Amino acid sequence: MTKKITENFEIFPWNENLEIGIEQIDKEHRVLINLLNKLANSLTQERNIEIEETFNELAKYAEYHFKSEEKIWKEHIVNKELLDEHYKSHESFLPKVLELKEKNQDKSYNEVIEEILLFLIRWLAFHIVDEDKRFALIIKSLEDGKNIKEAIYETESMMSGSMKNLIETILSMYDKLSIKTINLIRERKARLKAERELKKINKKLEELSRTDQLTKIYNRRYFDEQFNLELKESIKNKKLLTVLIFDIDYFKKLNDTYGHAKGDEALKKVSRTLKNLCVEYEITIYRVGGEEFTILFSNKNEKEVLLLISKIQTLIKELKIPNKGSHISDFVTISGGLISIVPTKENSIDSIMRVADERLYKAKRTGRNKIITI
């Protein structure tokens, strides 16, 4: 059994160096970063709709954030030139993303989103630690009593010194981290894809192991498993358990007369007809031998079982499958044995099936085309 991969990647981890000191803007920056991380993790799933929804959510929130941020800057900073430059940066955000989409149309959907992710990380990191940080420092200087020119000069002095080195370090760090994380996301996606494929294969193998390949109904192996479960439940809850075992009369003569291909066709027709009936009445049919079948009935009373058996015989007769080698009919018929029992711990699958087999052989000895119930 493969281990489920549940870890989430942080392509853009929050860091205290990203805080600019204005609570509302810091809070909105965190939301943007969370959405970036959500978008990155959605790449591991092969669901483009989910990726697109997250991307649209990110774009919508970015638009809201820009307006919210601009309102704060406008309340404190009266320098139109400075504000216009910052607004242009906001306005260029979505067009640049759309440009990336258009430019990379020859690439796969995921590759395009990866390119956009890397752009968004670089853009947002620079926007926060450089552009927004500058405005926050200007506001701080203004609150300390400086005029706008003094505030701008003081901010530029701070941003050109050790702060500049810190910004460059942060941007470089996030650039390398984002590329590394994208590679990890690709690996994770490959592992998840392999895991899904393995589950499909295992499911298919499980289906094959319990299905008869000719008739596509359940086989003897699955019958034994289900019978064991039904028997335990019936013993525990003192429930009636009914088993019908039947086979096609003179099936060997059908093969000898018409050939094995026609014999196989007859088995398929019988199986298909009874499978549809079983679905309707919530019972299960199994092919347990060459032309031998069984049906398990649980939670069915005697009257219901007898009506179903009569319907089974009628349906098979209505198929009118030719069998001129039969001594009792020109068409396929069946013979079977039925046992209904409220089992106890003394009962086993073998003991119950032994009785059903004895009744089947009694049906054959006494003329066939019948179901023996006692």
Protein backbone atom coordinates (compact mmCIF):
# COMPACT_ATOMS: atom_id res chain seq x y z
CA MET A 1 0.00 0.00 0.00
CA THR A 2 1.43 3.36 -1.00
CA LYS A 3 1.76 6.13 1.53
CA LYS A 4 -0.57 9.05 0.91
CA ILE A 5 1.33 12.26 0.21
CA THR A 6 -0.24 15.03 2.29
CA GLU A 7 2.51 17.64 2.85
CA ASN A 8 1.98 21.15 1.55
CA PHE A 9 4.77 23.23 0.06
CA GLU A 10 5.47 26.84 0.94
CA ILE A 11 6.79 28.30 -2.27
CA PHE A 12 6.69 31.72 -0.61
CA PRO A 13 7.08 31.40 3.19
CA TRP A 14 6.16 34.41 5.31
CA ASN A 15 9.10 36.10 6.98
CA GLU A 16 9.23 38.96 9.49
CA ASN A 17 11.42 40.88 7.00
CA LEU A 18 8.33 41.09 4.82
CA GLU A 19 6.49 43.15 7.44
CA ILE A 20 6.33 46.84 6.57
CA GLY A 21 4.77 47.87 9.90
CA ILE A 22 1.28 48.77 8.69
CA GLU A 23 -1.06 46.15 10.13
CA GLN A 24 -3.74 46.14 7.44
CA ILE A 25 -1.26 45.94 4.57
CA ASP A 26 0.81 43.25 6.32
CA LYS A 27 -2.38 41.25 6.85
CA GLU A 28 -3.34 41.55 3.17
CA HIS A 29 0.19 40.61 2.08
CA ARG A 30 -0.13 37.41 4.12
CA VAL A 31 -3.38 36.57 2.31
CA LEU A 32 -1.70 37.11 -1.07
CA ILE A 33 1.20 34.88 -0.06
CA ASN A 34 -1.19 32.18 1.20
CA LEU A 35 -2.99 32.27 -2.15
CA LEU A 36 0.35 31.95 -3.96
CA ASN A 37 1.17 28.89 -1.86
CA LYS A 38 -2.31 27.48 -2.54
CA LEU A 39 -1.79 27.98 -6.26
CA ALA A 40 1.60 26.25 -6.08
CA ASN A 41 0.13 23.23 -4.27
CA SER A 42 -2.78 22.99 -6.70
CA LEU A 43 -0.22 22.25 -9.40
CA THR A 44 0.30 18.79 -7.89
CA GLN A 45 -3.27 17.87 -8.82
CA GLU A 46 -4.26 17.21 -12.42
CA ARG A 47 -7.32 19.43 -12.12
CA ASN A 48 -6.94 22.53 -14.27
CA ILE A 49 -10.28 23.90 -13.09
CA GLU A 50 -9.03 23.98 -9.49
CA ILE A 51 -5.81 25.71 -10.60
CA GLU A 52 -7.79 28.27 -12.60
CA GLU A 53 -10.15 28.93 -9.68
CA THR A 54 -7.21 29.55 -7.34
CA PHE A 55 -5.52 31.77 -9.91
CA ASN A 56 -8.72 33.82 -10.35
CA GLU A 57 -9.07 34.07 -6.57
CA LEU A 58 -5.50 35.38 -6.36
CA ALA A 59 -6.06 37.92 -9.16
CA LYS A 60 -9.29 39.14 -7.59
CA TYR A 61 -7.69 39.55 -4.16
CA ALA A 62 -4.66 41.33 -5.67
CA GLU A 63 -7.03 43.86 -7.25
CA TYR A 64 -8.76 44.39 -3.90
CA HIS A 65 -5.41 44.72 -2.09
CA PHE A 66 -4.08 47.32 -4.54
CA LYS A 67 -7.13 49.52 -4.03
CA SER A 68 -6.95 49.09 -0.26
CA GLU A 69 -3.23 49.90 -0.24
CA GLU A 70 -3.61 52.92 -2.52
CA LYS A 71 -6.24 54.34 -0.18
CA ILE A 72 -3.81 54.15 2.74
CA TRP A 73 -0.97 55.79 0.75
CA LYS A 74 -3.28 58.56 -0.43
CA GLU A 75 -4.35 59.37 3.13
CA HIS A 76 -0.74 60.02 4.21
CA ILE A 77 1.31 60.97 1.15
CA VAL A 78 0.48 64.04 -0.91
CA ASN A 79 3.27 63.70 -3.49
CA LYS A 80 1.34 62.97 -6.72
CA GLU A 81 4.40 61.94 -8.71
CA LEU A 82 5.38 59.38 -6.11
CA LEU A 83 1.85 58.00 -5.88
CA ASP A 84 1.41 57.80 -9.67
CA GLU A 85 4.61 55.79 -10.01
CA HIS A 86 3.37 53.32 -7.40
CA TYR A 87 -0.06 53.08 -9.02
CA LYS A 88 1.56 52.27 -12.38
CA SER A 89 3.30 49.35 -10.71
CA HIS A 90 -0.11 48.04 -9.57
CA GLU A 91 -1.65 48.60 -12.99
CA SER A 92 1.11 46.63 -14.72
CA PHE A 93 0.60 43.55 -12.54
CA LEU A 94 -2.27 41.74 -14.31
CA PRO A 95 -1.23 42.78 -17.87
CA LYS A 96 2.18 41.21 -17.24
CA VAL A 97 0.54 37.99 -16.06
CA LEU A 98 -1.71 37.88 -19.14
CA GLU A 99 1.31 38.59 -21.33
CA LEU A 100 3.07 35.56 -19.83
CA LYS A 101 0.03 33.43 -20.61
CA GLU A 102 -0.03 34.58 -24.22
CA LYS A 103 3.74 34.27 -24.70
CA ASN A 104 3.85 30.68 -23.41
CA GLN A 105 0.95 29.22 -25.38
CA ASP A 106 3.24 26.57 -26.88
CA LYS A 107 3.92 25.18 -23.39
CA SER A 108 1.73 22.90 -21.29
CA TYR A 109 -0.83 24.41 -18.93
CA ASN A 110 1.21 23.53 -15.85
CA GLU A 111 4.41 24.96 -17.34
CA VAL A 112 2.61 28.25 -18.00
CA ILE A 113 1.34 28.40 -14.41
CA GLU A 114 4.85 27.64 -13.14
CA GLU A 115 6.21 30.57 -15.17
CA ILE A 116 3.48 32.81 -13.79
CA LEU A 117 4.17 31.62 -10.25
CA LEU A 118 7.86 32.48 -10.51
CA PHE A 119 6.95 35.92 -11.88
CA LEU A 120 4.40 36.51 -9.10
CA ILE A 121 6.91 35.58 -6.40
CA ARG A 122 9.62 37.89 -7.79
CA TRP A 123 7.12 40.71 -8.35
CA LEU A 124 5.43 40.42 -4.95
CA ALA A 125 8.69 40.03 -3.01
CA PHE A 126 10.13 43.15 -4.67
CA HIS A 127 6.84 45.01 -4.29
CA ILE A 128 6.72 44.30 -0.55
CA VAL A 129 10.34 44.68 0.56
CA ASP A 130 11.16 47.57 -1.76
CA GLU A 131 8.16 49.59 -2.97
CA ASP A 132 5.77 49.12 -0.04
CA LYS A 133 8.60 49.32 2.48
CA ARG A 134 9.59 52.73 1.06
CA PHE A 135 6.09 54.09 1.44
CA ALA A 136 5.82 52.72 4.99
CA LEU A 137 9.09 54.43 5.92
CA ILE A 138 7.93 57.71 4.36
CA ILE A 139 4.73 57.56 6.43
CA LYS A 140 6.80 56.83 9.57
CA SER A 141 8.97 59.90 8.88
CA LEU A 142 5.90 62.06 8.29
CA GLU A 143 4.42 60.86 11.59
CA ASP A 144 7.74 61.81 13.27
CA GLY A 145 7.24 65.41 12.09
CA LYS A 146 9.23 65.48 8.86
CA ASN A 147 7.85 67.22 5.77
CA ILE A 148 7.35 65.17 2.59
CA LYS A 149 10.74 66.11 1.05
CA GLU A 150 12.59 65.29 4.26
CA ALA A 151 10.66 62.04 4.60
CA ILE A 152 11.53 60.98 1.04
CA TYR A 153 15.20 61.90 1.49
CA GLU A 154 15.44 60.06 4.82
CA THR A 155 13.77 56.98 3.31
CA GLU A 156 16.07 56.95 0.27
CA SER A 157 19.10 57.16 2.57
CA MET A 158 17.87 54.20 4.58
CA MET A 159 16.97 52.13 1.50
CA SER A 160 20.32 52.73 -0.19
CA GLY A 161 22.45 51.52 2.72
CA SER A 162 22.30 48.23 4.61
CA MET A 163 18.63 47.98 3.74
CA LYS A 164 19.51 47.66 0.06
CA ASN A 165 21.78 44.70 0.81
CA LEU A 166 19.03 43.09 2.87
CA ILE A 167 16.52 43.56 0.04
CA GLU A 168 18.88 42.01 -2.47
CA THR A 169 19.52 39.09 -0.12
CA ILE A 170 15.79 38.53 0.44
CA LEU A 171 14.98 38.70 -3.28
CA SER A 172 17.81 36.30 -4.12
CA MET A 173 16.71 33.92 -1.37
CA TYR A 174 13.09 33.85 -2.58
CA ASP A 175 14.18 33.44 -6.18
CA LYS A 176 16.27 30.36 -5.37
CA LEU A 177 13.65 28.98 -2.98
CA SER A 178 10.84 29.32 -5.52
CA ILE A 179 12.80 27.49 -8.23
CA LYS A 180 13.72 24.71 -5.80
CA THR A 181 10.13 24.41 -4.63
CA ILE A 182 8.81 24.26 -8.20
CA ASN A 183 11.13 21.29 -8.78
CA LEU A 184 9.85 19.63 -5.60
CA ILE A 185 6.26 20.25 -6.73
CA ARG A 186 7.05 18.58 -10.05
CA GLU A 187 8.46 15.58 -8.19
CA ARG A 188 5.42 15.45 -5.93
CA LYS A 189 3.08 15.63 -8.91
CA ALA A 190 4.94 12.75 -10.54
CA ARG A 191 4.67 10.71 -7.34
CA LEU A 192 0.96 11.45 -7.00
CA LYS A 193 0.39 10.50 -10.62
CA ALA A 194 2.31 7.25 -10.09
CA GLU A 195 0.27 6.61 -6.94
CA ARG A 196 -3.00 7.14 -8.80
CA GLU A 197 -1.89 4.85 -11.61
CA LEU A 198 -0.88 2.19 -9.08
CA LYS A 199 -4.29 2.41 -7.39
CA LYS A 200 -5.99 1.97 -10.77
CA ILE A 201 -3.82 -1.06 -11.53
CA ASN A 202 -4.46 -2.58 -8.10
CA LYS A 203 -8.19 -1.99 -8.50
CA LYS A 204 -8.13 -3.60 -11.92
CA LEU A 205 -6.15 -6.57 -10.58
CA GLU A 206 -8.62 -6.93 -7.72
CA GLU A 207 -11.51 -6.90 -10.17
CA LEU A 208 -9.76 -9.47 -12.36
CA SER A 209 -9.05 -11.71 -9.38
CA ARG A 210 -12.74 -11.92 -8.46
CA THR A 211 -14.32 -11.83 -11.93
CA ASP A 212 -14.85 -14.68 -14.36
CA GLN A 213 -13.23 -13.51 -17.58
CA LEU A 214 -15.68 -15.20 -19.94
CA THR A 215 -19.00 -14.18 -18.41
CA LYS A 216 -17.86 -11.04 -16.49
CA ILE A 217 -19.71 -12.15 -13.37
CA TYR A 218 -18.10 -13.01 -10.04
CA ASN A 219 -15.99 -16.17 -9.80
CA ARG A 220 -15.56 -19.01 -7.30
CA ARG A 221 -12.89 -17.17 -5.32
CA TYR A 222 -15.17 -14.20 -4.67
CA PHE A 223 -18.10 -16.51 -3.96
CA ASP A 224 -16.10 -18.19 -1.18
CA GLU A 225 -15.18 -14.79 0.30
CA GLN A 226 -18.74 -13.46 0.23
CA PHE A 227 -20.27 -16.72 1.42
CA ASN A 228 -17.92 -16.68 4.40
CA LEU A 229 -19.01 -13.13 5.30
CA GLU A 230 -22.72 -13.89 4.83
CA LEU A 231 -22.42 -17.04 6.90
CA LYS A 232 -20.78 -15.22 9.81
CA GLU A 233 -23.42 -12.49 9.73
CA SER A 234 -26.27 -14.99 9.54
CA ILE A 235 -24.89 -16.96 12.50
CA LYS A 236 -24.39 -13.79 14.53
CA ASN A 237 -27.82 -12.29 13.78
CA LYS A 238 -29.74 -15.58 13.37
CA LYS A 239 -30.72 -14.65 9.81
CA LEU A 240 -31.98 -16.91 7.05
CA LEU A 241 -29.31 -17.75 4.51
CA THR A 242 -30.26 -19.28 1.15
CA VAL A 243 -27.96 -20.73 -1.50
CA LEU A 244 -28.96 -21.86 -4.97
CA ILE A 245 -26.54 -23.93 -7.04
CA PHE A 246 -27.53 -24.80 -10.62
CA ASP A 247 -26.03 -25.77 -13.95
CA ILE A 248 -27.09 -25.93 -17.58
CA ASP A 249 -28.70 -29.23 -18.54
CA TYR A 250 -26.80 -31.28 -21.10
CA PHE A 251 -24.19 -28.56 -21.56
CA LYS A 252 -21.65 -31.07 -22.90
CA LYS A 253 -24.07 -32.05 -25.65
CA LEU A 254 -24.55 -28.35 -26.48
CA ASN A 255 -20.78 -28.03 -26.94
CA ASP A 256 -20.60 -31.24 -28.96
CA THR A 257 -23.51 -30.23 -31.21
CA TYR A 258 -22.78 -26.54 -31.83
CA GLY A 259 -19.12 -26.15 -30.86
CA HIS A 260 -17.40 -24.51 -27.89
CA ALA A 261 -17.90 -20.99 -29.26
CA LYS A 262 -21.69 -21.49 -29.06
CA GLY A 263 -21.25 -23.01 -25.61
CA ASP A 264 -19.39 -19.90 -24.47
CA GLU A 265 -22.09 -17.72 -26.02
CA ALA A 266 -24.76 -19.65 -24.11
CA LEU A 267 -22.87 -19.12 -20.83
CA LYS A 268 -22.60 -15.39 -21.54
CA LYS A 269 -26.31 -15.03 -22.35
CA VAL A 270 -27.36 -16.88 -19.20
CA SER A 271 -24.93 -14.86 -17.08
CA ARG A 272 -25.99 -11.52 -18.56
CA THR A 273 -29.68 -12.24 -18.06
CA LEU A 274 -29.26 -13.40 -14.47
CA LYS A 275 -26.87 -10.56 -13.63
CA ASN A 276 -29.55 -8.03 -14.62
CA LEU A 277 -32.08 -9.88 -12.46
CA CYS A 278 -29.66 -9.94 -9.53
CA VAL A 279 -29.11 -6.18 -9.73
CA GLU A 280 -32.88 -5.65 -9.68
CA TYR A 281 -33.39 -7.87 -6.62
CA GLU A 282 -30.10 -7.13 -4.82
CA ILE A 283 -28.75 -10.67 -5.00
CA THR A 284 -25.45 -11.86 -6.48
CA ILE A 285 -24.66 -14.51 -9.08
CA TYR A 286 -21.35 -16.35 -9.35
CA ARG A 287 -19.89 -18.73 -11.90
CA VAL A 288 -18.24 -21.44 -9.80
CA GLY A 289 -17.44 -24.03 -12.44
CA GLY A 290 -17.73 -24.76 -16.17
CA GLU A 291 -21.52 -24.46 -16.54
CA GLU A 292 -22.22 -24.23 -12.81
CA PHE A 293 -23.55 -21.12 -11.08
CA THR A 294 -24.57 -20.14 -7.57
CA ILE A 295 -26.72 -17.36 -6.15
CA LEU A 296 -26.61 -16.13 -2.56
CA PHE A 297 -29.86 -14.86 -1.05
CA SER A 298 -29.74 -13.00 2.24
CA ASN A 299 -32.67 -11.33 4.00
CA LYS A 300 -35.12 -13.04 1.62
CA ASN A 301 -37.97 -15.11 2.97
CA GLU A 302 -38.99 -18.48 1.49
CA LYS A 303 -41.79 -17.03 -0.63
CA GLU A 304 -39.48 -14.38 -2.15
CA VAL A 305 -36.80 -16.97 -2.92
CA LEU A 306 -39.24 -19.35 -4.63
CA LEU A 307 -40.68 -16.53 -6.75
CA LEU A 308 -37.15 -15.53 -7.80
CA ILE A 309 -36.24 -19.11 -8.69
CA SER A 310 -39.37 -19.36 -10.83
CA LYS A 311 -38.41 -16.11 -12.55
CA ILE A 312 -34.87 -17.42 -13.16
CA GLN A 313 -36.24 -20.57 -14.84
CA THR A 314 -38.65 -18.51 -16.95
CA LEU A 315 -35.98 -16.06 -18.07
CA ILE A 316 -33.64 -18.85 -19.15
CA LYS A 317 -36.42 -20.57 -21.11
CA GLU A 318 -37.28 -17.24 -22.79
CA LEU A 319 -33.68 -16.96 -24.03
CA LYS A 320 -34.47 -19.91 -26.33
CA ILE A 321 -30.84 -20.95 -26.62
CA PRO A 322 -30.85 -23.99 -28.94
CA ASN A 323 -29.75 -27.31 -27.44
CA LYS A 324 -31.02 -30.13 -29.66
CA GLY A 325 -28.69 -32.55 -27.89
CA SER A 326 -30.84 -32.22 -24.74
CA HIS A 327 -33.18 -35.10 -23.94
CA ILE A 328 -35.78 -32.82 -22.31
CA SER A 329 -36.04 -29.68 -24.47
CA ASP A 330 -34.85 -28.16 -27.74
CA PHE A 331 -33.63 -25.17 -25.74
CA VAL A 332 -31.36 -24.62 -22.75
CA THR A 333 -32.81 -25.46 -19.34
CA ILE A 334 -31.29 -25.60 -15.86
CA SER A 335 -31.30 -27.94 -12.88
CA GLY A 336 -30.44 -26.87 -9.36
CA GLY A 337 -30.42 -27.47 -5.66
CA LEU A 338 -31.55 -25.00 -3.02
CA ILE A 339 -30.87 -24.82 0.71
CA SER A 340 -32.39 -22.30 3.13
CA ILE A 341 -31.06 -22.34 6.65
CA VAL A 342 -30.63 -20.22 9.74
CA PRO A 343 -27.06 -21.36 10.36
CA THR A 344 -25.39 -22.04 13.69
CA LYS A 345 -21.73 -22.36 14.63
CA GLU A 346 -21.92 -26.07 13.68
CA ASN A 347 -22.56 -25.10 10.05
CA SER A 348 -19.79 -24.37 7.56
CA ILE A 349 -19.56 -23.43 3.91
CA ASP A 350 -18.71 -27.04 3.05
CA SER A 351 -21.62 -28.53 5.01
CA ILE A 352 -24.14 -26.11 3.48
CA MET A 353 -22.80 -26.55 -0.05
CA ARG A 354 -22.83 -30.32 0.36
CA VAL A 355 -26.60 -30.23 0.88
CA ALA A 356 -27.09 -27.88 -2.11
CA ASP A 357 -24.94 -30.20 -4.29
CA GLU A 358 -26.92 -33.28 -3.22
CA ARG A 359 -30.15 -31.55 -4.21
CA LEU A 360 -28.66 -30.51 -7.55
CA TYR A 361 -27.72 -34.11 -8.33
CA LYS A 362 -31.17 -35.25 -7.22
CA ALA A 363 -32.67 -32.80 -9.75
CA LYS A 364 -30.49 -34.35 -12.46
CA ARG A 365 -31.36 -37.92 -11.45
CA THR A 366 -35.08 -37.21 -11.45
CA GLY A 367 -35.45 -35.71 -14.90
CA ARG A 368 -33.61 -32.35 -14.88
CA ASN A 369 -35.17 -28.96 -15.73
CA LYS A 370 -36.12 -28.46 -12.07
CA ILE A 371 -34.91 -26.99 -8.78
CA ILE A 372 -34.95 -29.29 -5.76
CA THR A 373 -35.61 -27.40 -2.52
CA ILE A 374 -35.92 -30.26 0.01
